[in-house]
Amino acid sequence: TLDLYPDTTVTMALFSQVTNGAEIRRKITDGTIAAAVINAQMICDPFQVLVAVNKAVHLDKLDRKKTKTVFGEILFNLSPGNNILAAYQKFGVQDAKSQDLLLVLLNDPQGQQLEQVYSIIQGTRIPLESLRDIVDEQKIIKLFKIPDAERKVGGLLDVVVCRMATKDAG
């Protein structure tokens, strides 16, 4: 559950070697899949996703989203920039032959949505802890333009979350 919104639960599931990215994206677009499906290589820790989810749910409750859905807002909040399309391209599901995806569902305590999406995803569900083996730190460093000196002060997660949290502060 989210601290600010205890009535909202978050479920995350990690999948490897997903081969039907284009189909998943189509089903997200047409509303068959009500979830955020994230390029797992761009996530350094589940906490990064929780920060994006918290902000997305908050903006949804205030009716101040910049995207059409709370799930699109999650992807947008993961991005360091303000370009929605760029956020979808960097953090969303790709057309790649094989990719690792992190699925984020809201308010699915019985696991029904997870089972529905699980039946669509052509890949292997793996433990969430495996995310640390999937992350592409160099891609994240490049996207967020993180200098070495800044990473020495705090870890990659700290820098990324700080950038996410303050991107609208200007």
Protein backbone atom coordinates (compact mmCIF):
# COMPACT_ATOMS: atom_id res chain seq x y z
CA THR A 1 0.00 0.00 0.00
CA LEU A 2 1.02 3.60 -0.50
CA ASP A 3 1.60 5.72 2.61
CA LEU A 4 -0.41 8.69 1.34
CA TYR A 5 -3.13 6.49 -0.14
CA PRO A 6 -3.52 3.38 2.04
CA ASP A 7 -6.50 2.27 -0.06
CA THR A 8 -4.13 1.83 -3.05
CA THR A 9 -2.10 -1.35 -3.35
CA VAL A 10 0.82 -1.88 -5.72
CA THR A 11 1.76 -5.23 -7.24
CA MET A 12 5.00 -5.71 -9.18
CA ALA A 13 6.02 -8.74 -11.23
CA LEU A 14 9.23 -9.20 -13.22
CA PHE A 15 9.37 -11.12 -16.50
CA SER A 16 12.40 -12.12 -18.56
CA GLN A 17 12.75 -13.04 -22.21
CA VAL A 18 9.40 -11.52 -23.18
CA THR A 19 8.91 -12.01 -26.92
CA ASN A 20 5.56 -10.31 -27.65
CA GLY A 21 6.29 -6.66 -26.85
CA ALA A 22 4.31 -5.26 -29.80
CA GLU A 23 1.21 -7.25 -28.78
CA ILE A 24 1.53 -6.11 -25.16
CA ARG A 25 1.80 -2.47 -26.24
CA ARG A 26 -1.29 -2.87 -28.46
CA LYS A 27 -3.25 -4.34 -25.56
CA ILE A 28 -2.16 -1.48 -23.28
CA THR A 29 -3.31 1.03 -25.91
CA ASP A 30 -6.70 -0.61 -26.43
CA GLY A 31 -7.28 -0.97 -22.67
CA THR A 32 -7.10 -4.78 -22.48
CA ILE A 33 -4.13 -4.46 -20.13
CA ALA A 34 -4.60 -1.99 -17.27
CA ALA A 35 -1.03 -1.86 -16.03
CA ALA A 36 2.29 -0.09 -16.41
CA VAL A 37 4.66 -2.34 -18.34
CA ILE A 38 8.18 -1.05 -17.86
CA ASN A 39 11.50 -1.76 -19.57
CA ALA A 40 13.21 -3.47 -16.63
CA GLN A 41 16.71 -2.45 -17.80
CA MET A 42 15.86 1.14 -16.88
CA ILE A 43 14.92 0.38 -13.27
CA CYS A 44 17.68 0.23 -10.65
CA ASP A 45 15.41 -0.70 -7.73
CA PRO A 46 11.68 -1.28 -7.05
CA PHE A 47 11.75 1.83 -4.84
CA GLN A 48 12.26 3.91 -8.00
CA VAL A 49 8.96 2.53 -9.31
CA LEU A 50 7.18 3.14 -6.01
CA VAL A 51 8.20 6.81 -6.16
CA ALA A 52 6.75 7.07 -9.68
CA VAL A 53 3.57 5.21 -8.66
CA ASN A 54 3.05 7.40 -5.59
CA LYS A 55 3.36 10.57 -7.66
CA ALA A 56 1.09 9.17 -10.40
CA VAL A 57 -1.65 8.17 -7.95
CA HIS A 58 -1.39 11.55 -6.21
CA LEU A 59 -1.75 13.46 -9.50
CA ASP A 60 -4.59 11.15 -10.56
CA LYS A 61 -6.50 11.89 -7.33
CA LEU A 62 -5.97 15.62 -7.94
CA ASP A 63 -6.98 15.20 -11.61
CA ARG A 64 -3.67 16.80 -12.66
CA LYS A 65 -2.11 14.00 -14.73
CA LYS A 66 -0.08 14.95 -17.79
CA THR A 67 -0.94 11.65 -19.48
CA LYS A 68 -4.27 9.95 -20.17
CA THR A 69 -3.98 7.16 -17.59
CA VAL A 70 -2.40 6.61 -14.20
CA PHE A 71 -0.25 3.89 -15.81
CA GLY A 72 1.04 6.30 -18.46
CA GLU A 73 1.75 8.72 -15.65
CA ILE A 74 3.90 6.09 -13.93
CA LEU A 75 6.08 5.79 -17.07
CA PHE A 76 6.21 9.57 -17.40
CA ASN A 77 7.27 9.97 -13.75
CA LEU A 78 10.15 7.53 -14.23
CA SER A 79 11.65 9.80 -16.87
CA PRO A 80 14.02 12.68 -16.13
CA GLY A 81 12.43 14.86 -18.81
CA ASN A 82 9.03 16.32 -19.64
CA ASN A 83 8.53 14.68 -23.04
CA ILE A 84 5.78 12.07 -22.70
CA LEU A 85 6.66 10.25 -25.94
CA ALA A 86 10.34 10.04 -24.94
CA ALA A 87 9.32 8.62 -21.54
CA TYR A 88 7.21 5.93 -23.24
CA GLN A 89 10.06 5.10 -25.63
CA LYS A 90 12.71 4.80 -22.89
CA PHE A 91 10.66 3.23 -20.11
CA GLY A 92 7.84 1.44 -21.92
CA VAL A 93 7.60 -1.95 -23.59
CA GLN A 94 9.66 -2.25 -26.80
CA ASP A 95 9.31 -4.25 -30.03
CA ALA A 96 12.55 -6.11 -29.30
CA LYS A 97 12.71 -9.85 -30.01
CA SER A 98 13.34 -10.48 -26.32
CA GLN A 99 13.19 -8.11 -23.38
CA ASP A 100 12.81 -7.99 -19.63
CA LEU A 101 9.68 -6.28 -18.33
CA LEU A 102 8.48 -5.08 -14.96
CA LEU A 103 4.70 -5.18 -14.61
CA VAL A 104 3.02 -2.75 -12.20
CA LEU A 105 -0.62 -3.21 -11.21
CA LEU A 106 -2.75 -1.14 -8.86
CA ASN A 107 -5.42 -2.47 -6.52
CA ASP A 108 -5.15 -6.17 -7.38
CA PRO A 109 -5.24 -7.86 -3.95
CA GLN A 110 -6.76 -11.09 -5.29
CA GLY A 111 -4.29 -11.30 -8.20
CA GLN A 112 -6.96 -11.42 -10.90
CA GLN A 113 -5.39 -8.68 -13.04
CA LEU A 114 -1.98 -10.30 -12.64
CA GLU A 115 -3.34 -13.62 -13.87
CA GLN A 116 -4.99 -11.92 -16.87
CA VAL A 117 -1.79 -10.13 -17.87
CA TYR A 118 0.32 -13.20 -17.07
CA SER A 119 -1.72 -15.14 -19.65
CA ILE A 120 -0.84 -12.52 -22.29
CA ILE A 121 2.88 -12.10 -21.59
CA GLN A 122 5.05 -14.59 -23.47
CA GLY A 123 8.01 -14.77 -21.13
CA THR A 124 9.20 -16.21 -17.84
CA ARG A 125 8.20 -14.76 -14.49
CA ILE A 126 11.26 -14.35 -12.29
CA PRO A 127 11.77 -13.09 -8.71
CA LEU A 128 11.69 -9.31 -8.29
CA GLU A 129 15.13 -9.54 -6.68
CA SER A 130 16.50 -10.47 -10.13
CA LEU A 131 16.01 -6.85 -11.17
CA ARG A 132 19.53 -6.04 -9.93
CA ASP A 133 20.91 -8.48 -12.55
CA ILE A 134 18.85 -6.93 -15.36
CA VAL A 135 19.41 -3.21 -14.79
CA ASP A 136 21.57 -1.43 -17.36
CA GLU A 137 23.28 1.16 -15.19
CA GLN A 138 25.13 2.73 -18.11
CA LYS A 139 21.86 3.44 -19.95
CA ILE A 140 20.41 5.01 -16.82
CA ILE A 141 23.54 7.11 -16.23
CA LYS A 142 23.43 8.32 -19.83
CA LEU A 143 19.67 9.08 -19.81
CA PHE A 144 19.80 10.97 -16.51
CA LYS A 145 23.15 12.59 -17.43
CA ILE A 146 24.73 11.61 -14.11
CA PRO A 147 28.38 12.63 -13.68
CA ASP A 148 30.77 10.35 -11.78
CA ALA A 149 31.16 12.92 -9.00
CA GLU A 150 27.42 12.87 -8.29
CA ARG A 151 27.32 9.07 -8.12
CA LYS A 152 30.16 9.08 -5.58
CA VAL A 153 28.11 11.27 -3.23
CA GLY A 154 25.06 8.98 -3.35
CA GLY A 155 24.26 5.73 -5.04
CA LEU A 156 22.59 5.47 -8.44
CA LEU A 157 19.16 4.92 -6.86
CA ASP A 158 19.50 8.06 -4.72
CA VAL A 159 20.46 10.19 -7.71
CA VAL A 160 17.71 8.83 -9.96
CA VAL A 161 14.97 9.20 -7.34
CA CYS A 162 16.12 12.73 -6.52
CA ARG A 163 15.96 13.68 -10.20
CA MET A 164 12.52 12.10 -10.58
CA ALA A 165 11.17 13.84 -7.50
CA THR A 166 12.44 17.29 -8.48
CA LYS A 167 11.87 17.35 -12.25
CA ASP A 168 8.75 19.52 -11.89
CA ALA A 169 10.25 21.81 -9.25
CA GLY A 170 11.69 24.29 -11.76
